Structures are given as C-alpha cells and as structure tokens.
Amino acid sequence: MAQIKVYGLKEHLNQTKAQLSDIIHACAADALQLPTEKRFHRFFPLDRSDFYYPTDRTEKYTIIEISMFEGRSTEAKKHLVRLLFARISQEVAIGVQDIEITISETPKYNWGIRGLPGDELGLNYKVEV
C-alpha cells in the first residue's frame, strides 16, 4: 500500500498532473512491485499565496509525499527516489532541483482499509521487497 500526495503551483501542476500520476505510478510499480491497479494519488494545486518555497527553486517546484506500509528495503526506497528524479526530469521537464520527495512508513496496523486494520488484510502483492 502506498498513498501519494503531490503539491505544486496550480499553474504548473494542473497542466502536468495526469502525466505525473502516470510516471509516479510506473516508478512505484517498478521499484516497490506495486500492482498496476493500486494507484492512490492526490494532487494539491496551490495558489501562489499558499505555496512558499526557496528562491533557488522555480515555479515548477513540486513536492511528492509518499505514505506506505513499512517493510520495503532501503534499496527499494532509494531505487524509487532515483526513478522519480530521472523520469520526472526527463519526461515532464522539471529539474531535479525542483523535485522534493519524502517517504513516510507506518506499520500496517496503523492503517484502516476496507473495514479492517491493515495488518489483517489479505494483500495480492508483497510489501517486503
């Protein structure tokens, strides 16, 4: 399980969110071995008055927050981060200096999904990759 939030200026994010969603999902499927039908993305296009960022970033500055079950290896998470930087910069033309990624992991029992605590779910994919 991985839920992903993406923040950016609405002028840029609204134009790129479909493409970003496809790229992010492909990277998560590759690095974390998520099934292709497990896409949980939310986009937060922000007004300039609601999004402050450092002067060494551009209007394309994009924040990606990934919340997922704990259990993935350090290498799998690093692989995900590297894939995201490479594919987003190449395919959406957002420079790596304008992309920030955070990964937060919580135990499965801290999730509630389909009426059950996450550790009681029968998953059709491995978390320990």
Protein backbone atom coordinates (compact mmCIF):
# COMPACT_ATOMS: atom_id res chain seq x y z
CA MET A 1 0.00 0.00 0.00
CA ALA A 2 1.24 3.46 -0.89
CA GLN A 3 -0.68 6.71 -0.93
CA ILE A 4 0.89 9.66 -2.69
CA LYS A 5 0.30 13.40 -2.37
CA VAL A 6 1.72 15.89 -4.85
CA TYR A 7 1.92 19.63 -4.20
CA GLY A 8 2.81 22.45 -6.57
CA LEU A 9 1.71 25.77 -8.01
CA LYS A 10 -1.65 25.27 -9.68
CA GLU A 11 -0.50 26.91 -12.94
CA HIS A 12 2.06 24.16 -13.42
CA LEU A 13 0.58 21.21 -11.53
CA ASN A 14 -2.79 21.31 -13.27
CA GLN A 15 -1.04 21.03 -16.65
CA THR A 16 1.15 18.09 -15.63
CA LYS A 17 -0.77 16.07 -13.03
CA ALA A 18 -2.04 13.34 -15.36
CA GLN A 19 1.45 12.79 -16.73
CA LEU A 20 2.98 12.99 -13.25
CA SER A 21 0.49 10.43 -11.96
CA ASP A 22 1.43 8.02 -14.74
CA ILE A 23 5.15 8.47 -14.09
CA ILE A 24 4.85 8.21 -10.32
CA HIS A 25 2.74 5.08 -10.60
CA ALA A 26 5.13 3.44 -13.08
CA CYS A 27 8.06 4.20 -10.78
CA ALA A 28 6.24 2.80 -7.73
CA ALA A 29 5.28 -0.33 -9.66
CA ASP A 30 8.89 -0.81 -10.79
CA ALA A 31 10.65 -0.06 -7.51
CA LEU A 32 8.08 -1.32 -4.97
CA GLN A 33 6.47 -4.01 -7.14
CA LEU A 34 3.02 -2.50 -6.60
CA PRO A 35 0.25 -3.99 -8.72
CA THR A 36 -0.75 -1.73 -11.60
CA GLU A 37 -4.31 -1.34 -10.26
CA LYS A 38 -3.07 0.06 -6.91
CA ARG A 39 -2.92 3.77 -7.75
CA PHE A 40 -3.75 6.12 -4.87
CA HIS A 41 -2.71 9.68 -5.83
CA ARG A 42 -3.96 13.05 -4.66
CA PHE A 43 -2.90 16.36 -6.19
CA PHE A 44 -2.88 19.69 -4.38
CA PRO A 45 -2.62 22.57 -6.85
CA LEU A 46 -1.88 25.66 -4.76
CA ASP A 47 -2.31 29.37 -5.27
CA ARG A 48 0.88 31.39 -5.09
CA SER A 49 -0.33 32.86 -1.81
CA ASP A 50 -0.48 29.32 -0.32
CA PHE A 51 2.85 27.95 -1.51
CA TYR A 52 6.10 29.44 -0.29
CA TYR A 53 9.36 27.94 -1.48
CA PRO A 54 13.04 28.90 -1.54
CA THR A 55 14.31 31.43 -4.07
CA ASP A 56 16.60 28.80 -5.64
CA ARG A 57 13.52 26.85 -6.86
CA THR A 58 11.41 27.69 -9.90
CA GLU A 59 7.67 27.82 -10.50
CA LYS A 60 7.85 24.10 -11.30
CA TYR A 61 8.83 23.26 -7.71
CA THR A 62 6.98 20.04 -6.84
CA ILE A 63 6.73 18.14 -3.56
CA ILE A 64 5.90 14.42 -3.56
CA GLU A 65 4.92 12.79 -0.26
CA ILE A 66 4.67 9.01 -0.18
CA SER A 67 2.98 7.25 2.73
CA MET A 68 3.29 3.47 2.75
CA PHE A 69 3.37 0.30 4.80
CA GLU A 70 6.73 -0.31 6.40
CA GLY A 71 8.68 -3.28 5.11
CA ARG A 72 10.40 -2.13 1.92
CA SER A 73 14.17 -2.35 1.87
CA THR A 74 16.35 0.74 1.88
CA GLU A 75 17.47 -0.16 -1.63
CA ALA A 76 13.87 -0.38 -2.90
CA LYS A 77 13.12 3.09 -1.50
CA LYS A 78 16.32 4.58 -2.94
CA HIS A 79 15.50 2.96 -6.27
CA LEU A 80 12.06 4.63 -6.16
CA VAL A 81 13.57 8.04 -5.42
CA ARG A 82 16.14 7.70 -8.21
CA LEU A 83 13.49 6.58 -10.71
CA LEU A 84 11.23 9.51 -9.80
CA PHE A 85 14.03 12.05 -10.24
CA ALA A 86 15.11 10.58 -13.57
CA ARG A 87 11.71 10.06 -15.15
CA ILE A 88 10.09 13.28 -13.96
CA SER A 89 13.04 15.41 -15.05
CA GLN A 90 13.21 13.70 -18.45
CA GLU A 91 9.50 13.35 -19.24
CA VAL A 92 7.94 16.42 -17.60
CA ALA A 93 10.98 18.73 -17.76
CA ILE A 94 11.01 19.50 -14.05
CA GLY A 95 14.62 19.90 -12.97
CA VAL A 96 15.82 17.73 -10.11
CA GLN A 97 16.40 20.87 -8.02
CA ASP A 98 12.63 21.45 -8.27
CA ILE A 99 11.59 17.99 -7.06
CA GLU A 100 11.46 17.00 -3.41
CA ILE A 101 10.37 13.56 -2.26
CA THR A 102 9.62 12.28 1.21
CA ILE A 103 8.74 8.72 2.17
CA SER A 104 6.91 8.02 5.42
CA GLU A 105 6.38 4.46 6.57
CA THR A 106 3.99 3.20 9.21
CA PRO A 107 3.17 -0.27 10.47
CA LYS A 108 0.32 -1.99 8.68
CA TYR A 109 -1.77 -1.98 11.88
CA ASN A 110 -1.83 1.85 11.73
CA TRP A 111 -3.87 1.73 8.51
CA GLY A 112 -7.59 1.10 8.16
CA ILE A 113 -8.55 -0.28 4.75
CA ARG A 114 -11.76 -1.90 3.51
CA GLY A 115 -13.11 -2.24 7.05
CA LEU A 116 -10.00 -3.86 8.54
CA PRO A 117 -6.74 -2.88 10.21
CA GLY A 118 -4.02 -3.06 7.56
CA ASP A 119 -2.22 -5.98 9.21
CA GLU A 120 -5.38 -8.10 8.84
CA LEU A 121 -5.75 -7.51 5.10
CA GLY A 122 -5.04 -10.20 2.58
CA LEU A 123 -2.82 -8.45 0.03
CA ASN A 124 -2.23 -9.69 -3.50
CA TYR A 125 1.31 -8.32 -3.54
CA LYS A 126 4.46 -8.40 -1.39
CA VAL A 127 5.44 -5.46 0.78
CA GLU A 128 8.84 -6.84 1.69
CA VAL A 129 10.78 -6.00 -1.48
